[in-house]
């Protein structure tokens, strides 16, 4: 399915520190130099630290050349490929390495920046040319096995030497809005409950975003997964395509809006943009920390002697904490004082909390679940909502409200969680609603990003109590709705029917259930699936018939026995719309 993102206002950015770092050439120490090779021609890739990844492309280059000297003839430079977020720090350390009299003159290092997704793809494909790798998260190492298998390659035996730096995931808030946001405690629970407006870069391209989603899930109910699903739907309403776009959106918003980011991303932004500062807000209910492991590539038999080069470089790398701190990265144990505006000098977590969040193996399975669920929740959808307006909808529900009132409240809450990428149309139905037809087309299927269309749908829902009457013409309406959605089928979207009813079929002049099921089977097109998601509420629904219709179309049937359950059931139905029939 196609991905989507929200265009951001033009940010007022100065050149970044990465942009100000120029490629060069590193030669043996007798020549004193260093290569920092920055990729020529970047690609959009997923950088998901601690939790998950998606590979989009691969592009890495190094303009370095190695000059030899009499004393180091034949000794090739050590090539270290690093994630861009740690690139400037490793380059600084390598520069100091070149000037360190205690380091062997033959130790030369070429530092190449490459997005972690590109690097892991090249490792899996056996085209990686580095001696060592520092990804933006240890999860890339964990993901190597499945990626290599998908490429028909064996998994290389890597030597993971542990983290050389970490960065906690926080909430970035524009300085002018920080005081308003801090009026209440900063917690992931506020993000979960939509009490703190929050956006994040696309999780398929951001380490901090997936880690932030994991933090939100950690404070959500295990008994009711719809709580986390609702939070994801809300966060998915606006998805900036990059960290820079998310920050720019927050900076230009009139409403105080937080951005889920890693601490080092805020540090880099603040160092490069003194006039548009962010404040790092540290959730008091804990967070996830992104690790930066040093990973050694396997050596051939004739390369074993090169192992000392990496050992020596690792020794200096771990002993040189200041360049990491200057870039906004912490030591592997979370310690280290940062002197960067907007960033807490020390991490406001206990050692125990850090030890807990650094155990990435314990959350390894969760990362895949979250990415899968995020993919489902943010699939571009094309949906026809079909709403029962038969006379029974005027009857009182158990809570004293009319059934139509209960639906209107629930529908408003569910619609508020749709992104503008969703295309939605509305039908209403009851017997003989539109001449001989049981259904009436109220709004065509169109993007909710169209303000006029969205306003029209809200007006239709708000006026439903004025349109009640007739019996429930369920079966004829269901078939016609499936046919309508299939007529305009979009293979890049999830095409579905969402039908809400409080009763069973009462159209004596229409088709019966066996006829409906037969016609659905005859018209089924595996290349154009249109699942019917049926939601019944109240005591009069025919759940058995709904289940048969759902099964015939690859959809699902839900029942809300109590009025207060309808809102949660609608969210449940919506967040599973993209995985049917395999949820």
Protein backbone atom coordinates (compact mmCIF):
# COMPACT_ATOMS: atom_id res chain seq x y z
CA UNK A 1 0.00 0.00 0.00
CA UNK A 2 1.17 3.52 -0.65
CA UNK A 3 2.61 5.53 2.18
CA UNK A 4 1.62 9.07 2.99
CA UNK A 5 3.02 12.09 4.70
CA UNK A 6 2.00 15.62 5.50
CA UNK A 7 3.74 18.50 3.73
CA UNK A 8 5.32 20.86 6.22
CA UNK A 9 5.76 24.62 6.10
CA UNK A 10 9.13 25.83 4.86
CA UNK A 11 11.48 25.73 7.88
CA UNK A 12 13.95 28.50 8.50
CA UNK A 13 16.96 26.22 8.63
CA UNK A 14 20.61 27.11 8.51
CA UNK A 15 22.98 24.53 7.03
CA UNK A 16 23.29 21.61 9.41
CA UNK A 17 26.50 20.48 11.02
CA UNK A 18 26.40 17.45 8.76
CA UNK A 19 26.18 19.72 5.72
CA UNK A 20 29.08 21.78 6.97
CA UNK A 21 31.28 18.67 7.23
CA UNK A 22 33.16 18.37 3.95
CA UNK A 23 34.46 15.11 2.47
CA UNK A 24 38.22 14.70 2.60
CA UNK A 25 41.01 12.16 2.30
CA UNK A 26 42.57 10.24 5.15
CA UNK A 27 46.13 9.03 4.73
CA UNK A 28 48.48 7.35 7.19
CA UNK A 29 49.41 9.49 10.18
CA UNK A 30 52.64 10.65 8.63
CA UNK A 31 50.41 12.64 6.24
CA UNK A 32 47.86 13.76 8.93
CA UNK A 33 44.38 13.75 7.40
CA UNK A 34 41.00 12.16 7.57
CA UNK A 35 38.21 11.12 5.29
CA UNK A 36 34.67 11.84 6.27
CA UNK A 37 32.81 10.57 3.22
CA UNK A 38 29.26 11.78 3.09
CA UNK A 39 26.87 9.93 0.85
CA UNK A 40 26.38 11.57 -2.52
CA UNK A 41 22.72 11.50 -3.53
CA UNK A 42 20.64 10.56 -0.48
CA UNK A 43 17.59 8.35 -0.49
CA UNK A 44 14.54 8.17 1.73
CA UNK A 45 15.05 5.31 4.13
CA UNK A 46 13.59 4.08 7.38
CA UNK A 47 15.75 4.68 10.42
CA UNK A 48 13.89 2.93 13.22
CA UNK A 49 16.04 2.55 16.33
CA UNK A 50 15.14 0.20 19.15
CA UNK A 51 11.93 -0.79 17.35
CA UNK A 52 11.67 -2.05 13.76
CA UNK A 53 12.66 -0.97 10.26
CA UNK A 54 11.73 -0.73 6.60
CA UNK A 55 14.29 -0.80 3.79
CA UNK A 56 13.61 1.59 0.91
CA UNK A 57 16.91 1.95 -0.89
CA UNK A 58 20.66 2.00 -0.71
CA UNK A 59 23.19 4.69 -1.51
CA UNK A 60 26.63 5.08 -0.03
CA UNK A 61 29.84 6.49 -1.39
CA UNK A 62 33.28 7.39 -0.24
CA UNK A 63 35.55 9.76 -2.07
CA UNK A 64 38.53 8.74 0.02
CA UNK A 65 41.81 7.48 -1.30
CA UNK A 66 44.66 6.07 0.70
CA UNK A 67 48.19 7.28 0.31
CA UNK A 68 50.93 5.02 1.53
CA UNK A 69 54.13 5.77 3.38
CA UNK A 70 57.28 3.75 3.68
CA UNK A 71 56.42 2.61 7.20
CA UNK A 72 52.78 1.67 6.48
CA UNK A 73 52.93 0.44 2.92
CA UNK A 74 50.16 -2.07 2.21
CA UNK A 75 48.11 -1.22 5.31
CA UNK A 76 44.59 -0.31 4.17
CA UNK A 77 42.55 2.21 6.18
CA UNK A 78 39.86 0.90 8.50
CA UNK A 79 36.46 1.71 6.95
CA UNK A 80 33.81 2.48 9.57
CA UNK A 81 30.24 3.02 8.32
CA UNK A 82 28.12 5.04 10.76
CA UNK A 83 24.54 6.26 11.02
CA UNK A 84 24.33 10.00 10.15
CA UNK A 85 23.14 10.88 13.67
CA UNK A 86 26.48 9.81 15.12
CA UNK A 87 28.60 10.72 12.08
CA UNK A 88 29.96 14.06 13.26
CA UNK A 89 30.97 12.62 16.64
CA UNK A 90 32.84 9.67 15.14
CA UNK A 91 34.50 12.00 12.64
CA UNK A 92 35.69 14.25 15.47
CA UNK A 93 37.07 11.24 17.32
CA UNK A 94 38.82 10.05 14.18
CA UNK A 95 40.41 13.45 13.75
CA UNK A 96 41.73 13.24 17.30
CA UNK A 97 42.89 9.72 16.53
CA UNK A 98 45.04 11.07 13.73
CA UNK A 99 46.70 13.48 16.17
CA UNK A 100 47.14 11.03 19.04
CA UNK A 101 50.83 10.17 19.57
CA UNK A 102 49.86 7.01 21.51
CA UNK A 103 48.19 5.44 18.49
CA UNK A 104 50.09 3.41 15.92
CA UNK A 105 51.05 5.47 12.86
CA UNK A 106 49.58 2.84 10.56
CA UNK A 107 46.04 3.17 11.97
CA UNK A 108 44.07 5.10 9.38
CA UNK A 109 40.27 5.40 9.51
CA UNK A 110 37.81 6.27 6.79
CA UNK A 111 34.42 7.28 8.25
CA UNK A 112 31.45 6.86 5.92
CA UNK A 113 27.96 8.03 6.88
CA UNK A 114 25.12 5.82 5.69
CA UNK A 115 21.54 5.43 6.89
CA UNK A 116 21.14 2.29 8.96
CA UNK A 117 18.48 0.82 6.65
CA UNK A 118 20.80 1.11 3.67
CA UNK A 119 23.69 -0.37 5.58
CA UNK A 120 21.79 -3.39 6.88
CA UNK A 121 20.43 -4.04 3.38
CA UNK A 122 23.93 -4.06 1.93
CA UNK A 123 25.17 -6.34 4.71
CA UNK A 124 22.31 -8.76 4.04
CA UNK A 125 23.05 -8.66 0.30
CA UNK A 126 26.77 -9.24 0.94
CA UNK A 127 27.72 -5.96 -0.76
CA UNK A 128 28.79 -4.09 2.39
CA UNK A 129 32.38 -2.82 2.11
CA UNK A 130 33.06 -1.57 5.62
CA UNK A 131 35.15 -3.15 8.33
CA UNK A 132 32.81 -1.96 11.08
CA UNK A 133 29.35 -0.49 11.43
CA UNK A 134 27.68 1.79 13.97
CA UNK A 135 23.91 1.75 13.28
CA UNK A 136 21.37 4.08 14.86
CA UNK A 137 20.02 1.21 16.94
CA UNK A 138 20.85 -2.37 17.87
CA UNK A 139 17.58 -3.46 16.31
CA UNK A 140 19.18 -3.25 12.87
CA UNK A 141 21.49 -6.06 13.91
CA UNK A 142 18.51 -8.07 15.11
CA UNK A 143 16.69 -7.48 11.82
CA UNK A 144 19.60 -8.71 9.72
CA UNK A 145 18.55 -12.35 9.91
CA UNK A 146 15.09 -11.94 8.38
CA UNK A 147 16.35 -9.50 5.76
CA UNK A 148 19.15 -11.82 4.66
CA UNK A 149 16.71 -14.73 4.47
CA UNK A 150 14.34 -12.70 2.30
CA UNK A 151 17.25 -12.08 -0.10
CA UNK A 152 18.22 -15.75 -0.18
CA UNK A 153 21.49 -15.05 1.64
CA UNK A 154 23.05 -16.67 4.67
CA UNK A 155 23.33 -14.52 7.76
CA UNK A 156 26.87 -13.22 8.30
CA UNK A 157 28.42 -13.75 11.70
CA UNK A 158 28.80 -10.26 13.11
CA UNK A 159 30.66 -9.29 16.26
CA UNK A 160 28.41 -6.93 18.23
CA UNK A 161 30.72 -5.19 20.67
CA UNK A 162 28.00 -3.25 22.49
CA UNK A 163 26.92 0.35 22.57
CA UNK A 164 29.29 3.25 22.18
CA UNK A 165 26.55 5.84 22.84
CA UNK A 166 22.84 6.16 23.62
CA UNK A 167 20.09 8.72 23.18
CA UNK A 168 16.77 8.73 25.09
CA UNK A 169 13.50 9.38 23.29
CA UNK A 170 11.80 12.57 24.47
CA UNK A 171 9.19 15.14 23.45
CA UNK A 172 10.45 18.25 21.68
CA UNK A 173 8.42 21.43 22.25
CA UNK A 174 9.04 24.89 20.74
CA UNK A 175 10.53 27.13 23.40
CA UNK A 176 7.65 29.62 23.19
CA UNK A 177 5.17 26.85 24.06
CA UNK A 178 7.19 25.02 26.71
CA UNK A 179 5.63 26.82 29.68
CA UNK A 180 2.10 26.01 28.53
CA UNK A 181 2.96 22.35 27.95
CA UNK A 182 4.67 22.09 31.34
CA UNK A 183 1.52 23.26 33.16
CA UNK A 184 0.71 19.56 33.53
CA UNK A 185 3.19 16.72 34.16
CA UNK A 186 4.91 15.55 30.98
CA UNK A 187 3.91 11.92 30.46
CA UNK A 188 3.34 9.42 27.68
CA UNK A 189 -0.12 8.97 29.15
CA UNK A 190 -0.95 12.54 28.06
CA UNK A 191 0.10 11.60 24.54
CA UNK A 192 -1.95 8.41 24.71
CA UNK A 193 -5.07 10.27 25.83
CA UNK A 194 -4.66 13.08 23.27
CA UNK A 195 -4.34 15.61 26.09
CA UNK A 196 -1.04 16.82 24.65
CA UNK A 197 -1.17 17.47 20.88
CA UNK A 198 1.67 15.39 19.48
CA UNK A 199 3.10 14.60 16.06
CA UNK A 200 6.03 12.49 14.98
CA UNK A 201 8.05 11.76 11.86
CA UNK A 202 6.88 8.75 9.90
CA UNK A 203 7.78 5.75 12.09
CA UNK A 204 8.96 3.94 8.98
CA UNK A 205 11.69 6.57 8.73
CA UNK A 206 12.36 7.50 12.36
CA UNK A 207 14.01 5.67 15.22
CA UNK A 208 12.50 7.96 17.81
CA UNK A 209 8.96 7.60 16.51
CA UNK A 210 8.78 3.82 16.81
CA UNK A 211 10.44 4.02 20.22
CA UNK A 212 7.89 6.66 21.22
CA UNK A 213 5.04 4.39 20.12
CA UNK A 214 6.50 1.65 22.27
CA UNK A 215 6.55 4.05 25.22
CA UNK A 216 2.88 4.93 24.59
CA UNK A 217 2.01 1.26 24.45
CA UNK A 218 3.86 0.62 27.70
CA UNK A 219 1.45 2.97 29.51
CA UNK A 220 -1.65 1.62 27.73
CA UNK A 221 -4.05 -1.04 28.95
CA UNK A 222 -3.02 -4.61 28.27
CA UNK A 223 -6.61 -5.76 28.78
CA UNK A 224 -8.02 -3.39 26.15
CA UNK A 225 -5.76 -3.05 23.08
CA UNK A 226 -8.17 -0.47 21.66
CA UNK A 227 -6.69 2.15 23.97
CA UNK A 228 -3.33 1.95 22.22
CA UNK A 229 -5.01 1.57 18.84
CA UNK A 230 -6.93 4.79 19.42
CA UNK A 231 -3.71 6.59 20.31
CA UNK A 232 -2.05 5.30 17.14
CA UNK A 233 -4.98 6.43 15.03
CA UNK A 234 -4.70 9.90 16.53
CA UNK A 235 -0.95 10.09 15.96
CA UNK A 236 -1.48 8.84 12.43
CA UNK A 237 -3.78 11.68 11.44
CA UNK A 238 -0.76 13.78 10.45
CA UNK A 239 2.48 12.09 9.48
CA UNK A 240 5.37 14.40 8.51
CA UNK A 241 7.75 12.63 6.20
CA UNK A 242 10.95 13.58 8.02
CA UNK A 243 12.31 14.85 11.31
CA UNK A 244 12.84 18.30 9.79
CA UNK A 245 9.24 18.44 8.52
CA UNK A 246 7.87 17.42 11.92
CA UNK A 247 9.91 20.08 13.71
CA UNK A 248 8.88 22.73 11.19
CA UNK A 249 5.21 21.82 11.66
CA UNK A 250 5.53 22.14 15.43
CA UNK A 251 7.39 25.46 15.21
CA UNK A 252 4.69 27.02 13.01
CA UNK A 253 1.68 25.64 14.89
CA UNK A 254 -0.41 28.11 16.89
CA UNK A 255 -1.36 25.29 19.25
CA UNK A 256 1.39 23.96 21.54
CA UNK A 257 2.44 20.77 19.77
CA UNK A 258 5.06 18.25 20.87
CA UNK A 259 7.23 16.17 18.54
CA UNK A 260 8.47 12.68 19.39
CA UNK A 261 12.24 12.82 18.85
CA UNK A 262 15.47 11.42 20.19
CA UNK A 263 17.49 13.71 22.42
CA UNK A 264 20.30 13.90 19.87
CA UNK A 265 17.87 15.07 17.18
CA UNK A 266 16.83 17.99 19.38
CA UNK A 267 20.47 18.72 20.18
CA UNK A 268 21.39 18.82 16.51
CA UNK A 269 18.43 21.05 15.67
CA UNK A 270 19.23 23.50 18.47
CA UNK A 271 22.92 23.68 17.57
CA UNK A 272 22.00 24.48 13.98
CA UNK A 273 19.00 26.75 14.65
CA UNK A 274 19.67 29.16 17.54
CA UNK A 275 16.61 31.26 16.67
CA UNK A 276 14.12 28.36 16.58
CA UNK A 277 14.95 26.37 19.68
CA UNK A 278 13.19 23.27 20.96
CA UNK A 279 12.98 22.23 24.61
CA UNK A 280 13.44 18.54 25.39
CA UNK A 281 10.65 17.39 27.70
CA UNK A 282 11.43 14.15 29.56
CA UNK A 283 8.30 12.05 30.33
CA UNK A 284 8.10 11.25 34.02
CA UNK A 285 6.65 7.80 33.30
CA UNK A 286 9.89 6.66 31.64
CA UNK A 287 11.03 6.24 28.06
CA UNK A 288 13.04 4.13 25.62
CA UNK A 289 16.73 4.69 24.92
CA UNK A 290 18.22 4.22 21.46
CA UNK A 291 21.56 2.40 21.39
CA UNK A 292 24.48 2.82 18.98
CA UNK A 293 26.40 -0.49 18.90
CA UNK A 294 29.83 -1.01 17.37
CA UNK A 295 29.57 -4.01 15.06
CA UNK A 296 32.60 -5.69 13.51
CA UNK A 297 32.23 -7.41 10.14
CA UNK A 298 33.54 -10.94 9.63
CA UNK A 299 37.15 -11.14 8.39
CA UNK A 300 38.52 -13.51 5.78
CA UNK A 301 41.49 -15.66 6.74
CA UNK A 302 43.90 -13.33 4.98
CA UNK A 303 42.41 -10.34 6.83
CA UNK A 304 42.74 -11.59 10.41
CA UNK A 305 45.68 -9.32 11.04
CA UNK A 306 43.39 -6.32 10.50
CA UNK A 307 41.51 -7.15 13.71
CA UNK A 308 44.01 -5.10 15.71
CA UNK A 309 43.01 -2.00 13.75
CA UNK A 310 39.43 -2.21 14.98
CA UNK A 311 40.52 -3.11 18.50
CA UNK A 312 42.71 -0.03 18.60
CA UNK A 313 40.00 2.19 17.15
CA UNK A 314 37.43 0.85 19.61
CA UNK A 315 39.76 1.59 22.50
CA UNK A 316 40.10 5.21 21.45
CA UNK A 317 36.41 5.51 20.57
CA UNK A 318 35.30 4.45 24.03
CA UNK A 319 37.89 6.62 25.72
CA UNK A 320 36.83 9.74 23.83
CA UNK A 321 33.48 10.67 25.35
CA UNK A 322 33.58 14.43 24.81
CA UNK A 323 32.89 14.45 21.04
CA UNK A 324 29.82 12.27 21.70
CA UNK A 325 28.62 14.66 24.39
CA UNK A 326 29.29 17.67 22.15
CA UNK A 327 27.01 16.10 19.52
CA UNK A 328 24.24 15.44 22.07
CA UNK A 329 24.87 11.72 22.68
CA UNK A 330 25.23 10.10 26.11
CA UNK A 331 27.64 7.43 27.30
CA UNK A 332 26.41 3.82 27.01
CA UNK A 333 25.22 3.85 30.64
CA UNK A 334 23.26 7.05 30.08
CA UNK A 335 25.71 9.25 31.96
CA UNK A 336 27.41 12.38 30.73
CA UNK A 337 26.70 16.09 31.04
CA UNK A 338 25.42 17.91 27.97
CA UNK A 339 25.95 21.65 27.57
CA UNK A 340 23.40 22.23 24.80
CA UNK A 341 20.53 24.70 25.06
CA UNK A 342 17.16 23.05 25.51
CA UNK A 343 18.64 19.73 26.67
CA UNK A 344 18.78 18.52 30.27
CA UNK A 345 22.36 18.47 31.52
CA UNK A 346 21.83 15.03 33.03
CA UNK A 347 19.26 12.40 32.07
CA UNK A 348 16.45 12.70 34.65
CA UNK A 349 16.09 8.93 35.05
CA UNK A 350 17.40 6.56 37.69
CA UNK A 351 20.05 3.99 36.83
CA UNK A 352 17.47 1.26 37.28
CA UNK A 353 15.16 2.87 34.72
CA UNK A 354 17.98 3.13 32.22
CA UNK A 355 18.98 -0.48 32.75
CA UNK A 356 15.40 -1.49 32.14
CA UNK A 357 14.89 0.41 28.89
CA UNK A 358 18.28 -0.60 27.54
CA UNK A 359 17.31 -4.28 27.52
CA UNK A 360 16.31 -4.20 23.87
CA UNK A 361 16.01 -7.98 23.64
CA UNK A 362 13.01 -7.82 25.99
CA UNK A 363 11.15 -5.55 23.58
CA UNK A 364 12.34 -7.19 20.38
CA UNK A 365 9.05 -8.94 19.63
CA UNK A 366 7.09 -5.81 20.52
CA UNK A 367 8.85 -3.82 17.81
CA UNK A 368 7.47 -6.04 15.08
CA UNK A 369 3.96 -5.94 16.53
CA UNK A 370 4.02 -2.15 16.69
CA UNK A 371 5.31 -1.77 13.12
CA UNK A 372 2.71 -4.21 11.84
CA UNK A 373 -0.08 -2.44 13.71
CA UNK A 374 1.16 0.97 12.58
CA UNK A 375 1.16 -0.23 8.99
CA UNK A 376 -2.44 -1.36 9.37
CA UNK A 377 -3.58 1.78 11.14
CA UNK A 378 -2.10 4.14 8.57
CA UNK A 379 -3.04 2.31 5.42
CA UNK A 380 -4.70 4.65 3.00
CA UNK A 381 -8.37 3.75 3.13
CA UNK A 382 -11.30 4.13 0.79
CA UNK A 383 -14.47 3.40 2.73
CA UNK A 384 -18.22 3.65 2.33
CA UNK A 385 -20.02 4.09 5.66
CA UNK A 386 -23.58 2.72 5.50
CA UNK A 387 -25.78 3.83 8.41
CA UNK A 388 -29.08 2.36 9.54
CA UNK A 389 -31.79 5.06 9.86
CA UNK A 390 -34.76 2.72 10.33
CA UNK A 391 -37.47 3.73 12.80
CA UNK A 392 -36.01 1.52 15.53
CA UNK A 393 -33.02 3.85 15.78
CA UNK A 394 -35.34 6.27 17.58
CA UNK A 395 -35.91 3.82 20.41
CA UNK A 396 -34.16 4.48 23.73
CA UNK A 397 -30.92 2.71 24.54
CA UNK A 398 -30.07 1.37 27.98
CA UNK A 399 -28.43 4.65 28.96
CA UNK A 400 -31.58 6.68 28.25
CA UNK A 401 -30.39 8.20 24.99
CA UNK A 402 -31.94 7.26 21.68
CA UNK A 403 -29.99 4.74 19.65
CA UNK A 404 -29.33 7.35 16.98
CA UNK A 405 -27.93 9.72 19.62
CA UNK A 406 -25.55 7.01 20.80
CA UNK A 407 -24.38 6.42 17.24
CA UNK A 408 -23.87 10.11 16.54
CA UNK A 409 -21.64 10.48 19.59
CA UNK A 410 -19.61 7.40 18.74
CA UNK A 411 -19.27 8.36 15.07
CA UNK A 412 -17.95 11.80 15.95
CA UNK A 413 -15.23 10.29 18.13
CA UNK A 414 -14.24 7.70 15.53
CA UNK A 415 -14.13 10.20 12.66
CA UNK A 416 -11.89 12.53 14.62
CA UNK A 417 -9.17 9.90 14.42
CA UNK A 418 -9.13 9.57 10.63
CA UNK A 419 -6.27 11.13 8.70
CA UNK A 420 -6.90 13.36 5.71
CA UNK A 421 -5.64 10.53 3.50
CA UNK A 422 -8.80 8.52 4.20
CA UNK A 423 -11.49 8.64 1.53
CA UNK A 424 -14.98 8.31 2.99
CA UNK A 425 -18.49 8.29 1.61
CA UNK A 426 -21.86 7.99 3.40
CA UNK A 427 -25.06 6.12 2.64
CA UNK A 428 -28.12 5.82 4.85
CA UNK A 429 -30.59 2.95 4.60
CA UNK A 430 -34.07 1.76 5.54
CA UNK A 431 -36.85 0.16 3.50
CA UNK A 432 -38.05 2.17 0.50
CA UNK A 433 -35.69 4.98 1.46
CA UNK A 434 -35.14 6.16 -2.10
CA UNK A 435 -38.12 5.09 -4.22
CA UNK A 436 -37.81 1.33 -4.55
CA UNK A 437 -34.26 1.39 -3.19
CA UNK A 438 -33.47 0.79 0.47
CA UNK A 439 -30.45 3.09 0.43
CA UNK A 440 -29.71 6.72 -0.30
CA UNK A 441 -26.34 8.12 -1.38
CA UNK A 442 -25.64 11.09 0.91
CA UNK A 443 -21.96 11.81 0.18
CA UNK A 444 -19.61 10.37 -2.46
CA UNK A 445 -16.40 8.62 -1.49
CA UNK A 446 -13.84 11.45 -1.39
CA UNK A 447 -10.78 12.50 0.64
CA UNK A 448 -11.41 13.85 4.13
CA UNK A 449 -8.59 16.30 3.41
CA UNK A 450 -11.22 18.20 1.41
CA UNK A 451 -12.58 20.56 4.06
CA UNK A 452 -15.95 20.99 2.34
CA UNK A 453 -16.41 17.22 2.05
CA UNK A 454 -15.51 16.69 5.69
CA UNK A 455 -17.91 19.41 6.80
CA UNK A 456 -20.66 17.84 4.69
CA UNK A 457 -20.15 14.44 6.34
CA UNK A 458 -20.29 15.98 9.81
CA UNK A 459 -23.50 17.75 8.82
CA UNK A 460 -25.01 14.49 7.54
CA UNK A 461 -24.18 12.65 10.76
CA UNK A 462 -25.58 15.54 12.77
CA UNK A 463 -28.87 15.41 10.86
CA UNK A 464 -29.50 11.67 11.04
CA UNK A 465 -32.14 12.03 13.77
CA UNK A 466 -34.25 13.96 11.24
CA UNK A 467 -34.09 11.14 8.67
CA UNK A 468 -35.43 8.21 10.69
CA UNK A 469 -38.20 5.97 9.40
CA UNK A 470 -39.00 2.63 7.77
CA UNK A 471 -37.72 -0.86 8.49
CA UNK A 472 -34.22 -2.32 8.13
CA UNK A 473 -33.38 -3.09 4.49
CA UNK A 474 -30.11 -4.81 5.26
CA UNK A 475 -29.40 -7.34 2.51
CA UNK A 476 -30.18 -5.32 -0.63
CA UNK A 477 -28.19 -2.42 0.79
CA UNK A 478 -25.17 -4.57 1.59
CA UNK A 479 -24.88 -5.93 -1.93
CA UNK A 480 -25.33 -2.49 -3.51
CA UNK A 481 -22.68 -0.98 -1.22
CA UNK A 482 -20.10 -3.65 -2.13
CA UNK A 483 -20.82 -3.06 -5.82
CA UNK A 484 -20.42 0.71 -5.44
CA UNK A 485 -17.04 0.44 -3.70
CA UNK A 486 -15.77 -2.04 -6.27
CA UNK A 487 -16.80 0.26 -9.14
CA UNK A 488 -14.23 2.85 -8.08
CA UNK A 489 -11.69 0.37 -6.70
CA UNK A 490 -8.26 1.82 -5.93
CA UNK A 491 -5.55 -0.88 -5.73
CA UNK A 492 -3.32 1.45 -3.69
CA UNK A 493 -5.88 1.68 -0.88
CA UNK A 494 -7.91 -0.53 1.44
CA UNK A 495 -11.40 -0.58 -0.10
CA UNK A 496 -14.16 -1.53 2.32
CA UNK A 497 -17.75 -1.12 3.48
CA UNK A 498 -18.50 -0.17 7.09
CA UNK A 499 -22.15 -0.95 7.87
CA UNK A 500 -23.75 0.06 11.19
CA UNK A 501 -27.17 -1.29 12.16
CA UNK A 502 -29.35 -1.84 15.24
CA UNK A 503 -31.51 -4.60 13.78
CA UNK A 504 -31.99 -7.52 11.40
CA UNK A 505 -33.20 -7.53 7.80
CA UNK A 506 -36.91 -6.61 7.59
CA UNK A 507 -37.34 -6.01 3.86
CA UNK A 508 -39.98 -8.53 2.81
CA UNK A 509 -39.66 -7.47 -0.83
CA UNK A 510 -35.89 -7.81 -0.96
CA UNK A 511 -33.48 -10.72 -1.23
CA UNK A 512 -32.99 -13.22 1.56
CA UNK A 513 -29.69 -14.14 3.22
CA UNK A 514 -28.88 -17.20 1.04
CA UNK A 515 -29.42 -15.10 -2.08
CA UNK A 516 -27.18 -12.33 -0.76
CA UNK A 517 -24.40 -14.76 0.13
CA UNK A 518 -24.64 -16.41 -3.29
CA UNK A 519 -24.43 -13.08 -5.11
CA UNK A 520 -21.47 -11.95 -2.98
CA UNK A 521 -19.73 -15.18 -3.88
CA UNK A 522 -20.49 -14.83 -7.58
CA UNK A 523 -19.24 -11.24 -7.71
CA UNK A 524 -16.16 -11.80 -5.57
CA UNK A 525 -12.95 -10.68 -7.26
CA UNK A 526 -9.72 -11.69 -5.47
CA UNK A 527 -7.96 -8.83 -7.24
CA UNK A 528 -10.52 -6.34 -5.94
CA UNK A 529 -11.46 -7.44 -2.42
CA UNK A 530 -14.11 -5.37 -0.64
CA UNK A 531 -14.47 -6.59 2.95
CA UNK A 532 -17.70 -5.70 4.74
CA UNK A 533 -17.17 -4.65 8.34
CA UNK A 534 -20.48 -4.94 10.16
CA UNK A 535 -21.16 -3.24 13.48
CA UNK A 536 -24.37 -4.06 15.30
CA UNK A 537 -25.52 -2.47 18.52
CA UNK A 538 -28.53 -3.05 20.71
CA UNK A 539 -30.46 -6.24 21.51
CA UNK A 540 -32.15 -6.69 18.13
CA UNK A 541 -29.18 -7.31 15.82
CA UNK A 542 -28.84 -10.59 13.92
CA UNK A 543 -25.21 -11.34 14.75
CA UNK A 544 -25.28 -14.75 13.05
CA UNK A 545 -26.32 -13.21 9.71
CA UNK A 546 -23.77 -10.42 10.12
CA UNK A 547 -21.01 -12.97 10.68
CA UNK A 548 -21.95 -14.89 7.53
CA UNK A 549 -21.87 -11.71 5.44
CA UNK A 550 -18.51 -10.72 6.94
CA UNK A 551 -17.05 -14.17 6.26
CA UNK A 552 -18.25 -14.12 2.65
CA UNK A 553 -16.43 -10.84 2.01
CA UNK A 554 -13.33 -11.30 4.17
CA UNK A 555 -14.60 -8.74 6.66
CA UNK A 556 -15.63 -8.91 10.29
CA UNK A 557 -18.71 -8.58 12.47
CA UNK A 558 -18.77 -6.67 15.75
CA UNK A 559 -21.47 -6.35 18.37
CA UNK A 560 -21.88 -3.62 20.98
CA UNK A 561 -24.44 -4.93 23.43
CA UNK A 562 -24.26 -1.82 25.60
CA UNK A 563 -24.50 1.73 24.23
CA UNK A 564 -21.27 2.82 25.88
CA UNK A 565 -19.42 0.05 24.00
CA UNK A 566 -20.22 1.41 20.55
CA UNK A 567 -17.40 3.95 20.42
CA UNK A 568 -14.79 1.34 21.38
CA UNK A 569 -16.23 -1.18 18.92
CA UNK A 570 -16.04 1.35 16.10
CA UNK A 571 -12.37 2.01 16.88
CA UNK A 572 -11.74 -1.75 17.00
CA UNK A 573 -13.41 -2.22 13.62
CA UNK A 574 -11.51 0.66 12.06
CA UNK A 575 -8.05 -0.29 13.26
CA UNK A 576 -8.47 -3.86 11.99
CA UNK A 577 -9.82 -2.78 8.62
CA UNK A 578 -6.51 -3.29 6.84
CA UNK A 579 -5.59 -6.76 8.07
CA UNK A 580 -8.78 -8.62 7.18
CA UNK A 581 -9.18 -11.54 6.90
CA UNK A 582 -5.92 -12.38 8.68
CA UNK A 583 -6.11 -10.28 11.88
